[in-house]
Protein backbone atom coordinates (compact mmCIF):
# COMPACT_ATOMS: atom_id res chain seq x y z
CA UNK A 1 0.00 0.00 0.00
CA UNK A 2 1.40 3.40 -0.93
CA UNK A 3 1.93 6.18 1.62
CA UNK A 4 -0.97 8.09 0.05
CA UNK A 5 -3.35 5.10 0.16
CA UNK A 6 -2.49 4.43 3.78
CA UNK A 7 -2.89 8.09 4.78
CA UNK A 8 -6.18 8.50 2.88
CA UNK A 9 -7.64 5.53 4.74
CA UNK A 10 -6.30 6.82 8.06
CA UNK A 11 -7.65 10.36 7.48
CA UNK A 12 -11.06 9.06 6.47
CA UNK A 13 -11.30 6.97 9.64
CA UNK A 14 -9.90 9.75 11.82
CA UNK A 15 -12.57 12.14 10.50
CA UNK A 16 -15.26 9.44 10.77
CA UNK A 17 -16.32 9.66 7.12
CA UNK A 18 -17.55 6.74 5.02
CA UNK A 19 -16.07 6.25 1.55
CA UNK A 20 -19.37 6.99 -0.13
CA UNK A 21 -19.81 10.22 1.85
CA UNK A 22 -16.25 11.33 1.12
CA UNK A 23 -16.74 10.61 -2.57
CA UNK A 24 -19.92 12.70 -2.59
CA UNK A 25 -18.15 15.58 -0.81
CA UNK A 26 -15.36 15.50 -3.38
CA UNK A 27 -17.55 14.98 -6.44
CA UNK A 28 -16.01 11.62 -7.38
CA UNK A 29 -17.35 8.09 -7.61
CA UNK A 30 -17.08 5.94 -4.49
CA UNK A 31 -15.28 3.30 -6.57
CA UNK A 32 -12.51 5.83 -7.37
CA UNK A 33 -12.02 6.69 -3.69
CA UNK A 34 -11.96 2.97 -2.88
CA UNK A 35 -9.38 2.28 -5.62
CA UNK A 36 -7.20 5.10 -4.27
CA UNK A 37 -7.51 3.81 -0.74
CA UNK A 38 -6.51 0.23 -1.55
CA UNK A 39 -3.72 1.35 -3.90
CA UNK A 40 -5.19 0.21 -7.21
CA UNK A 41 -4.88 3.74 -8.57
CA UNK A 42 -1.76 5.84 -8.52
CA UNK A 43 -1.64 9.09 -6.62
CA UNK A 44 -4.44 11.52 -7.48
CA UNK A 45 -4.28 14.88 -9.19
CA UNK A 46 -3.44 18.04 -7.24
CA UNK A 47 -7.09 19.08 -7.75
CA UNK A 48 -8.29 15.96 -5.90
CA UNK A 49 -5.81 16.59 -3.08
CA UNK A 50 -6.92 20.20 -2.62
CA UNK A 51 -10.59 19.15 -2.61
CA UNK A 52 -9.77 16.52 0.01
CA UNK A 53 -7.97 19.08 2.18
CA UNK A 54 -11.01 21.38 2.05
CA UNK A 55 -13.62 18.62 2.46
CA UNK A 56 -12.25 17.10 5.66
CA UNK A 57 -11.00 20.03 6.53
CA UNK A 58 -7.34 19.37 7.24
CA UNK A 59 -5.07 21.55 9.36
CA UNK A 60 -1.86 22.81 7.73
CA UNK A 61 0.35 20.01 9.16
CA UNK A 62 -2.10 17.32 7.95
CA UNK A 63 -2.33 18.98 4.52
CA UNK A 64 1.46 19.04 4.26
CA UNK A 65 1.62 15.39 5.31
CA UNK A 66 -0.95 14.53 2.62
CA UNK A 67 0.99 16.36 -0.11
CA UNK A 68 4.21 14.62 0.98
CA UNK A 69 2.44 11.23 0.86
CA UNK A 70 1.25 11.97 -2.68
CA UNK A 71 4.82 12.79 -3.73
CA UNK A 72 6.21 9.67 -2.04
CA UNK A 73 3.57 7.53 -3.80
CA UNK A 74 4.66 8.35 -7.34
CA UNK A 75 5.12 5.10 -9.24
CA UNK A 76 7.40 6.39 -11.97
CA UNK A 77 10.89 7.80 -11.70
CA UNK A 78 12.27 10.39 -14.10
CA UNK A 79 16.03 10.34 -14.42
CA UNK A 80 17.94 13.48 -15.35
CA UNK A 81 19.73 13.25 -18.70
CA UNK A 82 23.10 13.95 -17.08
CA UNK A 83 22.81 11.01 -14.68
CA UNK A 84 25.87 8.74 -14.85
CA UNK A 85 25.21 5.29 -16.24
CA UNK A 86 26.25 3.68 -12.92
CA UNK A 87 23.08 5.16 -11.46
CA UNK A 88 21.00 3.61 -14.26
CA UNK A 89 22.53 0.20 -13.48
CA UNK A 90 21.89 0.69 -9.77
CA UNK A 91 18.25 1.58 -10.40
CA UNK A 92 17.85 -1.38 -12.73
CA UNK A 93 19.21 -3.75 -10.08
CA UNK A 94 17.04 -2.16 -7.40
CA UNK A 95 13.95 -2.50 -9.62
CA UNK A 96 14.64 -6.22 -10.09
CA UNK A 97 15.09 -6.76 -6.33
CA UNK A 98 12.14 -4.67 -5.10
CA UNK A 99 9.74 -7.61 -4.70
CA UNK A 100 12.16 -9.45 -2.40
CA UNK A 101 13.43 -6.57 -0.21
CA UNK A 102 12.93 -7.11 3.49
CA UNK A 103 12.31 -4.29 6.00
CA UNK A 104 15.93 -4.71 7.08
CA UNK A 105 17.12 -4.17 3.49
CA UNK A 106 14.97 -1.06 3.16
CA UNK A 107 16.34 0.42 6.39
CA UNK A 108 19.90 -0.29 5.26
CA UNK A 109 19.36 1.37 1.87
CA UNK A 110 17.76 4.39 3.56
CA UNK A 111 20.70 4.63 5.96
CA UNK A 112 23.15 4.64 3.06
CA UNK A 113 21.13 7.31 1.24
CA UNK A 114 21.13 9.47 4.38
CA UNK A 115 24.90 9.35 4.79
CA UNK A 116 26.55 12.76 4.80
CA UNK A 117 28.19 14.07 1.66
CA UNK A 118 31.57 13.99 3.44
CA UNK A 119 31.85 10.35 2.37
CA UNK A 120 30.93 10.93 -1.24
CA UNK A 121 33.41 11.08 -4.08
CA UNK A 122 32.98 12.87 -7.38
CA UNK A 123 32.21 10.74 -10.43
CA UNK A 124 35.46 9.51 -11.96
CA UNK A 125 34.00 9.06 -15.43
CA UNK A 126 33.36 12.38 -17.13
CA UNK A 127 29.89 12.82 -18.49
CA UNK A 128 29.95 12.55 -22.27
CA UNK A 129 27.32 13.74 -24.63
CA UNK A 130 27.02 12.53 -28.14
CA UNK A 131 26.73 15.52 -30.40
CA UNK A 132 24.26 15.63 -33.24
CA UNK A 133 25.42 16.37 -36.73
CA UNK A 134 23.78 18.96 -38.83
CA UNK A 135 21.99 17.75 -41.95
CA UNK A 136 24.81 19.07 -44.15
CA UNK A 137 27.43 17.09 -42.20
CA UNK A 138 25.46 13.84 -42.20
CA UNK A 139 25.43 13.29 -45.95
CA UNK A 140 25.58 9.63 -46.97
C-alpha atoms as a PDB file:
ATOM      1  CA  UNK A   1       0.000   0.000   0.000  1.00  0.00           C
ATOM      2  CA  UNK A   2       1.397   3.403  -0.932  1.00  0.00           C
ATOM      3  CA  UNK A   3       1.928   6.184   1.624  1.00  0.00           C
ATOM      4  CA  UNK A   4      -0.973   8.090   0.051  1.00  0.00           C
ATOM      5  CA  UNK A   5      -3.345   5.098   0.162  1.00  0.00           C
ATOM      6  CA  UNK A   6      -2.491   4.429   3.784  1.00  0.00           C
ATOM      7  CA  UNK A   7      -2.895   8.087   4.782  1.00  0.00           C
ATOM      8  CA  UNK A   8      -6.175   8.495   2.877  1.00  0.00           C
ATOM      9  CA  UNK A   9      -7.641   5.525   4.739  1.00  0.00           C
ATOM     10  CA  UNK A  10      -6.295   6.817   8.056  1.00  0.00           C
ATOM     11  CA  UNK A  11      -7.647  10.358   7.480  1.00  0.00           C
ATOM     12  CA  UNK A  12     -11.060   9.065   6.471  1.00  0.00           C
ATOM     13  CA  UNK A  13     -11.299   6.966   9.640  1.00  0.00           C
ATOM     14  CA  UNK A  14      -9.904   9.751  11.821  1.00  0.00           C
ATOM     15  CA  UNK A  15     -12.567  12.136  10.500  1.00  0.00           C
ATOM     16  CA  UNK A  16     -15.257   9.443  10.772  1.00  0.00           C
ATOM     17  CA  UNK A  17     -16.322   9.658   7.122  1.00  0.00           C
ATOM     18  CA  UNK A  18     -17.549   6.742   5.020  1.00  0.00           C
ATOM     19  CA  UNK A  19     -16.069   6.248   1.546  1.00  0.00           C
ATOM     20  CA  UNK A  20     -19.372   6.993  -0.135  1.00  0.00           C
ATOM     21  CA  UNK A  21     -19.815  10.216   1.852  1.00  0.00           C
ATOM     22  CA  UNK A  22     -16.253  11.333   1.119  1.00  0.00           C
ATOM     23  CA  UNK A  23     -16.742  10.613  -2.574  1.00  0.00           C
ATOM     24  CA  UNK A  24     -19.921  12.700  -2.593  1.00  0.00           C
ATOM     25  CA  UNK A  25     -18.147  15.577  -0.806  1.00  0.00           C
ATOM     26  CA  UNK A  26     -15.361  15.503  -3.383  1.00  0.00           C
ATOM     27  CA  UNK A  27     -17.554  14.982  -6.441  1.00  0.00           C
ATOM     28  CA  UNK A  28     -16.010  11.621  -7.380  1.00  0.00           C
ATOM     29  CA  UNK A  29     -17.354   8.085  -7.608  1.00  0.00           C
ATOM     30  CA  UNK A  30     -17.079   5.937  -4.488  1.00  0.00           C
ATOM     31  CA  UNK A  31     -15.284   3.298  -6.569  1.00  0.00           C
ATOM     32  CA  UNK A  32     -12.511   5.825  -7.370  1.00  0.00           C
ATOM     33  CA  UNK A  33     -12.016   6.693  -3.687  1.00  0.00           C
ATOM     34  CA  UNK A  34     -11.958   2.974  -2.878  1.00  0.00           C
ATOM     35  CA  UNK A  35      -9.384   2.279  -5.623  1.00  0.00           C
ATOM     36  CA  UNK A  36      -7.198   5.104  -4.272  1.00  0.00           C
ATOM     37  CA  UNK A  37      -7.508   3.808  -0.743  1.00  0.00           C
ATOM     38  CA  UNK A  38      -6.506   0.230  -1.548  1.00  0.00           C
ATOM     39  CA  UNK A  39      -3.721   1.349  -3.901  1.00  0.00           C
ATOM     40  CA  UNK A  40      -5.192   0.205  -7.213  1.00  0.00           C
ATOM     41  CA  UNK A  41      -4.884   3.738  -8.570  1.00  0.00           C
ATOM     42  CA  UNK A  42      -1.756   5.839  -8.521  1.00  0.00           C
ATOM     43  CA  UNK A  43      -1.641   9.093  -6.622  1.00  0.00           C
ATOM     44  CA  UNK A  44      -4.445  11.520  -7.484  1.00  0.00           C
ATOM     45  CA  UNK A  45      -4.278  14.882  -9.186  1.00  0.00           C
ATOM     46  CA  UNK A  46      -3.443  18.044  -7.244  1.00  0.00           C
ATOM     47  CA  UNK A  47      -7.095  19.076  -7.755  1.00  0.00           C
ATOM     48  CA  UNK A  48      -8.293  15.960  -5.902  1.00  0.00           C
ATOM     49  CA  UNK A  49      -5.810  16.585  -3.077  1.00  0.00           C
ATOM     50  CA  UNK A  50      -6.925  20.196  -2.619  1.00  0.00           C
ATOM     51  CA  UNK A  51     -10.594  19.154  -2.614  1.00  0.00           C
ATOM     52  CA  UNK A  52      -9.773  16.520   0.014  1.00  0.00           C
ATOM     53  CA  UNK A  53      -7.966  19.081   2.179  1.00  0.00           C
ATOM     54  CA  UNK A  54     -11.011  21.378   2.051  1.00  0.00           C
ATOM     55  CA  UNK A  55     -13.619  18.623   2.460  1.00  0.00           C
ATOM     56  CA  UNK A  56     -12.249  17.100   5.661  1.00  0.00           C
ATOM     57  CA  UNK A  57     -11.001  20.033   6.534  1.00  0.00           C
ATOM     58  CA  UNK A  58      -7.336  19.369   7.241  1.00  0.00           C
ATOM     59  CA  UNK A  59      -5.069  21.548   9.359  1.00  0.00           C
ATOM     60  CA  UNK A  60      -1.862  22.807   7.727  1.00  0.00           C
ATOM     61  CA  UNK A  61       0.348  20.011   9.157  1.00  0.00           C
ATOM     62  CA  UNK A  62      -2.098  17.323   7.946  1.00  0.00           C
ATOM     63  CA  UNK A  63      -2.335  18.977   4.520  1.00  0.00           C
ATOM     64  CA  UNK A  64       1.463  19.037   4.257  1.00  0.00           C
ATOM     65  CA  UNK A  65       1.621  15.389   5.312  1.00  0.00           C
ATOM     66  CA  UNK A  66      -0.950  14.525   2.621  1.00  0.00           C
ATOM     67  CA  UNK A  67       0.986  16.356  -0.109  1.00  0.00           C
ATOM     68  CA  UNK A  68       4.206  14.625   0.978  1.00  0.00           C
ATOM     69  CA  UNK A  69       2.441  11.234   0.864  1.00  0.00           C
ATOM     70  CA  UNK A  70       1.248  11.972  -2.678  1.00  0.00           C
ATOM     71  CA  UNK A  71       4.816  12.790  -3.734  1.00  0.00           C
ATOM     72  CA  UNK A  72       6.205   9.668  -2.036  1.00  0.00           C
ATOM     73  CA  UNK A  73       3.571   7.530  -3.798  1.00  0.00           C
ATOM     74  CA  UNK A  74       4.660   8.349  -7.339  1.00  0.00           C
ATOM     75  CA  UNK A  75       5.121   5.095  -9.241  1.00  0.00           C
ATOM     76  CA  UNK A  76       7.398   6.393 -11.970  1.00  0.00           C
ATOM     77  CA  UNK A  77      10.886   7.796 -11.705  1.00  0.00           C
ATOM     78  CA  UNK A  78      12.266  10.394 -14.100  1.00  0.00           C
ATOM     79  CA  UNK A  79      16.032  10.340 -14.417  1.00  0.00           C
ATOM     80  CA  UNK A  80      17.942  13.482 -15.348  1.00  0.00           C
ATOM     81  CA  UNK A  81      19.725  13.245 -18.705  1.00  0.00           C
ATOM     82  CA  UNK A  82      23.099  13.947 -17.085  1.00  0.00           C
ATOM     83  CA  UNK A  83      22.807  11.012 -14.678  1.00  0.00           C
ATOM     84  CA  UNK A  84      25.869   8.743 -14.848  1.00  0.00           C
ATOM     85  CA  UNK A  85      25.211   5.288 -16.237  1.00  0.00           C
ATOM     86  CA  UNK A  86      26.250   3.682 -12.923  1.00  0.00           C
ATOM     87  CA  UNK A  87      23.078   5.164 -11.460  1.00  0.00           C
ATOM     88  CA  UNK A  88      20.997   3.609 -14.261  1.00  0.00           C
ATOM     89  CA  UNK A  89      22.532   0.203 -13.480  1.00  0.00           C
ATOM     90  CA  UNK A  90      21.891   0.690  -9.767  1.00  0.00           C
ATOM     91  CA  UNK A  91      18.252   1.576 -10.397  1.00  0.00           C
ATOM     92  CA  UNK A  92      17.850  -1.383 -12.727  1.00  0.00           C
ATOM     93  CA  UNK A  93      19.208  -3.747 -10.080  1.00  0.00           C
ATOM     94  CA  UNK A  94      17.044  -2.158  -7.397  1.00  0.00           C
ATOM     95  CA  UNK A  95      13.954  -2.501  -9.615  1.00  0.00           C
ATOM     96  CA  UNK A  96      14.637  -6.218 -10.085  1.00  0.00           C
ATOM     97  CA  UNK A  97      15.095  -6.759  -6.330  1.00  0.00           C
ATOM     98  CA  UNK A  98      12.141  -4.668  -5.097  1.00  0.00           C
ATOM     99  CA  UNK A  99       9.745  -7.609  -4.703  1.00  0.00           C
ATOM    100  CA  UNK A 100      12.156  -9.446  -2.396  1.00  0.00           C
ATOM    101  CA  UNK A 101      13.430  -6.569  -0.212  1.00  0.00           C
ATOM    102  CA  UNK A 102      12.934  -7.114   3.495  1.00  0.00           C
ATOM    103  CA  UNK A 103      12.307  -4.289   5.996  1.00  0.00           C
ATOM    104  CA  UNK A 104      15.934  -4.706   7.085  1.00  0.00           C
ATOM    105  CA  UNK A 105      17.119  -4.173   3.488  1.00  0.00           C
ATOM    106  CA  UNK A 106      14.972  -1.060   3.161  1.00  0.00           C
ATOM    107  CA  UNK A 107      16.343   0.417   6.393  1.00  0.00           C
ATOM    108  CA  UNK A 108      19.901  -0.286   5.260  1.00  0.00           C
ATOM    109  CA  UNK A 109      19.357   1.370   1.873  1.00  0.00           C
ATOM    110  CA  UNK A 110      17.760   4.387   3.558  1.00  0.00           C
ATOM    111  CA  UNK A 111      20.703   4.631   5.965  1.00  0.00           C
ATOM    112  CA  UNK A 112      23.149   4.644   3.057  1.00  0.00           C
ATOM    113  CA  UNK A 113      21.126   7.311   1.244  1.00  0.00           C
ATOM    114  CA  UNK A 114      21.132   9.474   4.378  1.00  0.00           C
ATOM    115  CA  UNK A 115      24.900   9.354   4.789  1.00  0.00           C
ATOM    116  CA  UNK A 116      26.551  12.764   4.796  1.00  0.00           C
ATOM    117  CA  UNK A 117      28.188  14.068   1.661  1.00  0.00           C
ATOM    118  CA  UNK A 118      31.567  13.991   3.436  1.00  0.00           C
ATOM    119  CA  UNK A 119      31.849  10.348   2.375  1.00  0.00           C
ATOM    120  CA  UNK A 120      30.931  10.929  -1.244  1.00  0.00           C
ATOM    121  CA  UNK A 121      33.414  11.076  -4.083  1.00  0.00           C
ATOM    122  CA  UNK A 122      32.981  12.873  -7.384  1.00  0.00           C
ATOM    123  CA  UNK A 123      32.214  10.737 -10.429  1.00  0.00           C
ATOM    124  CA  UNK A 124      35.457   9.507 -11.956  1.00  0.00           C
ATOM    125  CA  UNK A 125      34.004   9.062 -15.430  1.00  0.00           C
ATOM    126  CA  UNK A 126      33.358  12.377 -17.131  1.00  0.00           C
ATOM    127  CA  UNK A 127      29.894  12.820 -18.493  1.00  0.00           C
ATOM    128  CA  UNK A 128      29.946  12.547 -22.265  1.00  0.00           C
ATOM    129  CA  UNK A 129      27.324  13.743 -24.629  1.00  0.00           C
ATOM    130  CA  UNK A 130      27.022  12.531 -28.144  1.00  0.00           C
ATOM    131  CA  UNK A 131      26.725  15.519 -30.397  1.00  0.00           C
ATOM    132  CA  UNK A 132      24.260  15.633 -33.239  1.00  0.00           C
ATOM    133  CA  UNK A 133      25.421  16.372 -36.730  1.00  0.00           C
ATOM    134  CA  UNK A 134      23.777  18.961 -38.830  1.00  0.00           C
ATOM    135  CA  UNK A 135      21.988  17.755 -41.948  1.00  0.00           C
ATOM    136  CA  UNK A 136      24.808  19.072 -44.152  1.00  0.00           C
ATOM    137  CA  UNK A 137      27.432  17.088 -42.205  1.00  0.00           C
ATOM    138  CA  UNK A 138      25.461  13.839 -42.203  1.00  0.00           C
ATOM    139  CA  UNK A 139      25.428  13.288 -45.947  1.00  0.00           C
ATOM    140  CA  UNK A 140      25.582   9.631 -46.969  1.00  0.00           C
END
